[in-house]
């Protein structure tokens, strides 16, 4: 009896989500792979942006030091 109730509940939940066409497992795997791709893209973005930001900051500091020491004389 409990098993039948659980089965009906799952079928009703799948119907509300719009995946009651018998391909629910495939749809869930697709959603899982999509979420994994989003996580990978987010991780790659942060791994790329930190070195880019620090390189830009160092270049700005070096340019400021060069200007302060008057290394670029306008002769």
Foldseek 3Di string as FASTA:
>chain_A
DVVVVVVVVVLVVCVVVVNNPPCNVVVVVVVVVVVVVVVVVVVVVVVVVVVVVVVVVVVVVVVVVCVVVVVPDDD
